[in-house]
Amino acid sequence: MNLVLKWAISSIAAVGALLVLCFGLTWMGIEWRGFFGPKRAAVEREIFEETPSYRHGKIQDLTRYRFQYMKATSDEARSAIASTVRLQFAQFDVRSLDQAELREFWNTCNN
């Protein structure tokens, strides 16, 4: 009987230790992701912003805004478009644009 009791207690202790270990590992995983997650997302965002498709899409957007700006008939409409351009392209490296007219439009919107 004494052997069965020792076996039962050690089994319960092993299951308890396993649960504590699982909980601890899960908790550390959450902490790990909380610390490294934002850093990883920032790096992934930087990589994404360097892709040709992202840059091409931004150039298309800027071209469309330039066209709308040229078609606008009121100062309020031009001001709204310029404000949108400033917001949409705040983090975009406009110096890398090949088209001089788009850089000039960018400068117009930021003045």
C-alpha atoms as a PDB file:
ATOM      1  CA  MET A   1       0.000   0.000   0.000  1.00  0.00           C
ATOM      2  CA  ASN A   2       2.799   2.364   0.794  1.00  0.00           C
ATOM      3  CA  LEU A   3       4.317   1.829  -2.666  1.00  0.00           C
ATOM      4  CA  VAL A   4       1.000   2.590  -4.400  1.00  0.00           C
ATOM      5  CA  LEU A   5       0.603   5.801  -2.359  1.00  0.00           C
ATOM      6  CA  LYS A   6       4.126   6.929  -3.263  1.00  0.00           C
ATOM      7  CA  TRP A   7       3.453   6.177  -6.927  1.00  0.00           C
ATOM      8  CA  ALA A   8       0.159   8.136  -6.862  1.00  0.00           C
ATOM      9  CA  ILE A   9       1.733  11.137  -5.151  1.00  0.00           C
ATOM     10  CA  SER A  10       4.689  11.157  -7.522  1.00  0.00           C
ATOM     11  CA  SER A  11       2.317  10.870 -10.516  1.00  0.00           C
ATOM     12  CA  ILE A  12       0.229  13.790  -9.269  1.00  0.00           C
ATOM     13  CA  ALA A  13       3.395  15.797  -8.635  1.00  0.00           C
ATOM     14  CA  ALA A  14       4.674  14.986 -12.156  1.00  0.00           C
ATOM     15  CA  VAL A  15       1.385  16.086 -13.742  1.00  0.00           C
ATOM     16  CA  GLY A  16       1.442  19.259 -11.627  1.00  0.00           C
ATOM     17  CA  ALA A  17       5.046  19.968 -12.620  1.00  0.00           C
ATOM     18  CA  LEU A  18       4.143  19.392 -16.268  1.00  0.00           C
ATOM     19  CA  LEU A  19       1.237  21.854 -15.998  1.00  0.00           C
ATOM     20  CA  VAL A  20       3.459  24.445 -14.336  1.00  0.00           C
ATOM     21  CA  LEU A  21       6.084  23.914 -17.034  1.00  0.00           C
ATOM     22  CA  CYS A  22       3.494  24.303 -19.801  1.00  0.00           C
ATOM     23  CA  PHE A  23       2.109  27.440 -18.188  1.00  0.00           C
ATOM     24  CA  GLY A  24       5.602  28.874 -17.735  1.00  0.00           C
ATOM     25  CA  LEU A  25       6.605  28.168 -21.323  1.00  0.00           C
ATOM     26  CA  THR A  26       3.385  29.703 -22.626  1.00  0.00           C
ATOM     27  CA  TRP A  27       3.923  32.776 -20.456  1.00  0.00           C
ATOM     28  CA  MET A  28       7.512  33.138 -21.678  1.00  0.00           C
ATOM     29  CA  GLY A  29       6.299  32.771 -25.269  1.00  0.00           C
ATOM     30  CA  ILE A  30       3.868  35.628 -24.736  1.00  0.00           C
ATOM     31  CA  GLU A  31       6.594  37.773 -23.204  1.00  0.00           C
ATOM     32  CA  TRP A  32       9.001  36.858 -26.005  1.00  0.00           C
ATOM     33  CA  ARG A  33       6.474  37.793 -28.672  1.00  0.00           C
ATOM     34  CA  GLY A  34       5.592  40.993 -26.828  1.00  0.00           C
ATOM     35  CA  PHE A  35       9.222  42.061 -26.842  1.00  0.00           C
ATOM     36  CA  PHE A  36      10.319  40.906 -30.287  1.00  0.00           C
ATOM     37  CA  GLY A  37       6.978  41.158 -32.124  1.00  0.00           C
ATOM     38  CA  PRO A  38       7.027  44.927 -32.708  1.00  0.00           C
ATOM     39  CA  LYS A  39      10.668  44.812 -33.781  1.00  0.00           C
ATOM     40  CA  ARG A  40       9.956  42.028 -36.242  1.00  0.00           C
ATOM     41  CA  ALA A  41       6.926  43.860 -37.632  1.00  0.00           C
ATOM     42  CA  ALA A  42       8.999  47.016 -38.121  1.00  0.00           C
ATOM     43  CA  VAL A  43      11.645  45.110 -40.067  1.00  0.00           C
ATOM     44  CA  GLU A  44       8.991  43.397 -42.184  1.00  0.00           C
ATOM     45  CA  ARG A  45       7.427  46.802 -42.906  1.00  0.00           C
ATOM     46  CA  GLU A  46      10.786  48.243 -43.995  1.00  0.00           C
ATOM     47  CA  ILE A  47      11.349  45.286 -46.299  1.00  0.00           C
ATOM     48  CA  PHE A  48       7.837  45.659 -47.737  1.00  0.00           C
ATOM     49  CA  GLU A  49       8.351  49.363 -48.416  1.00  0.00           C
ATOM     50  CA  GLU A  50      11.402  48.539 -50.522  1.00  0.00           C
ATOM     51  CA  THR A  51       9.527  46.166 -52.823  1.00  0.00           C
ATOM     52  CA  PRO A  52       8.981  47.295 -56.415  1.00  0.00           C
ATOM     53  CA  SER A  53       5.219  46.716 -56.181  1.00  0.00           C
ATOM     54  CA  TYR A  54       4.895  49.048 -53.165  1.00  0.00           C
ATOM     55  CA  ARG A  55       6.982  51.765 -54.801  1.00  0.00           C
ATOM     56  CA  HIS A  56       5.093  51.395 -58.099  1.00  0.00           C
ATOM     57  CA  GLY A  57       1.767  51.674 -56.272  1.00  0.00           C
ATOM     58  CA  LYS A  58       2.899  54.838 -54.493  1.00  0.00           C
ATOM     59  CA  ILE A  59       4.014  56.360 -57.797  1.00  0.00           C
ATOM     60  CA  GLN A  60       0.623  55.534 -59.314  1.00  0.00           C
ATOM     61  CA  ASP A  61      -1.130  57.158 -56.347  1.00  0.00           C
ATOM     62  CA  LEU A  62       0.987  60.283 -56.613  1.00  0.00           C
ATOM     63  CA  THR A  63       0.318  60.463 -60.358  1.00  0.00           C
ATOM     64  CA  ARG A  64      -3.419  60.169 -59.725  1.00  0.00           C
ATOM     65  CA  TYR A  65      -3.313  62.910 -57.062  1.00  0.00           C
ATOM     66  CA  ARG A  66      -1.325  65.143 -59.423  1.00  0.00           C
ATOM     67  CA  PHE A  67      -3.958  64.653 -62.127  1.00  0.00           C
ATOM     68  CA  GLN A  68      -6.769  65.443 -59.680  1.00  0.00           C
ATOM     69  CA  TYR A  69      -4.851  68.497 -58.461  1.00  0.00           C
ATOM     70  CA  MET A  70      -4.463  69.787 -62.025  1.00  0.00           C
ATOM     71  CA  LYS A  71      -8.186  69.217 -62.723  1.00  0.00           C
ATOM     72  CA  ALA A  72      -9.319  70.894 -59.488  1.00  0.00           C
ATOM     73  CA  THR A  73     -11.169  74.159 -60.055  1.00  0.00           C
ATOM     74  CA  SER A  74     -11.106  75.575 -56.536  1.00  0.00           C
ATOM     75  CA  ASP A  75      -8.395  76.378 -54.025  1.00  0.00           C
ATOM     76  CA  GLU A  76     -10.246  74.310 -51.412  1.00  0.00           C
ATOM     77  CA  ALA A  77     -10.069  71.209 -53.589  1.00  0.00           C
ATOM     78  CA  ARG A  78      -6.359  71.757 -54.279  1.00  0.00           C
ATOM     79  CA  SER A  79      -5.744  72.268 -50.573  1.00  0.00           C
ATOM     80  CA  ALA A  80      -7.567  69.045 -49.731  1.00  0.00           C
ATOM     81  CA  ILE A  81      -5.568  67.095 -52.324  1.00  0.00           C
ATOM     82  CA  ALA A  82      -2.294  68.599 -51.092  1.00  0.00           C
ATOM     83  CA  SER A  83      -3.195  67.666 -47.520  1.00  0.00           C
ATOM     84  CA  THR A  84      -3.958  64.105 -48.590  1.00  0.00           C
ATOM     85  CA  VAL A  85      -0.633  63.886 -50.433  1.00  0.00           C
ATOM     86  CA  ARG A  86       1.241  65.136 -47.361  1.00  0.00           C
ATOM     87  CA  LEU A  87      -0.433  62.470 -45.212  1.00  0.00           C
ATOM     88  CA  GLN A  88      -0.147  59.601 -47.689  1.00  0.00           C
ATOM     89  CA  PHE A  89       3.499  60.276 -48.540  1.00  0.00           C
ATOM     90  CA  ALA A  90       4.845  61.394 -45.178  1.00  0.00           C
ATOM     91  CA  GLN A  91       7.130  58.347 -44.863  1.00  0.00           C
ATOM     92  CA  PHE A  92       7.817  57.882 -48.578  1.00  0.00           C
ATOM     93  CA  ASP A  93      11.267  58.761 -49.937  1.00  0.00           C
ATOM     94  CA  VAL A  94      10.270  61.161 -52.707  1.00  0.00           C
ATOM     95  CA  ARG A  95      13.915  61.724 -53.677  1.00  0.00           C
ATOM     96  CA  SER A  96      13.880  58.302 -55.298  1.00  0.00           C
ATOM     97  CA  LEU A  97      11.242  59.352 -57.830  1.00  0.00           C
ATOM     98  CA  ASP A  98      12.473  59.319 -61.422  1.00  0.00           C
ATOM     99  CA  GLN A  99       9.840  61.704 -62.740  1.00  0.00           C
ATOM    100  CA  ALA A 100      10.719  65.355 -62.170  1.00  0.00           C
ATOM    101  CA  GLU A 101       7.071  66.428 -62.499  1.00  0.00           C
ATOM    102  CA  LEU A 102       6.091  64.199 -59.576  1.00  0.00           C
ATOM    103  CA  ARG A 103       8.883  65.603 -57.398  1.00  0.00           C
ATOM    104  CA  GLU A 104       7.766  69.105 -58.373  1.00  0.00           C
ATOM    105  CA  PHE A 105       4.164  68.235 -57.483  1.00  0.00           C
ATOM    106  CA  TRP A 106       5.346  66.848 -54.145  1.00  0.00           C
ATOM    107  CA  ASN A 107       7.192  70.093 -53.439  1.00  0.00           C
ATOM    108  CA  THR A 108       4.085  72.080 -54.399  1.00  0.00           C
ATOM    109  CA  CYS A 109       1.985  70.106 -51.941  1.00  0.00           C
ATOM    110  CA  ASN A 110       4.509  70.623 -49.137  1.00  0.00           C
ATOM    111  CA  ASN A 111       4.797  74.373 -49.526  1.00  0.00           C
END
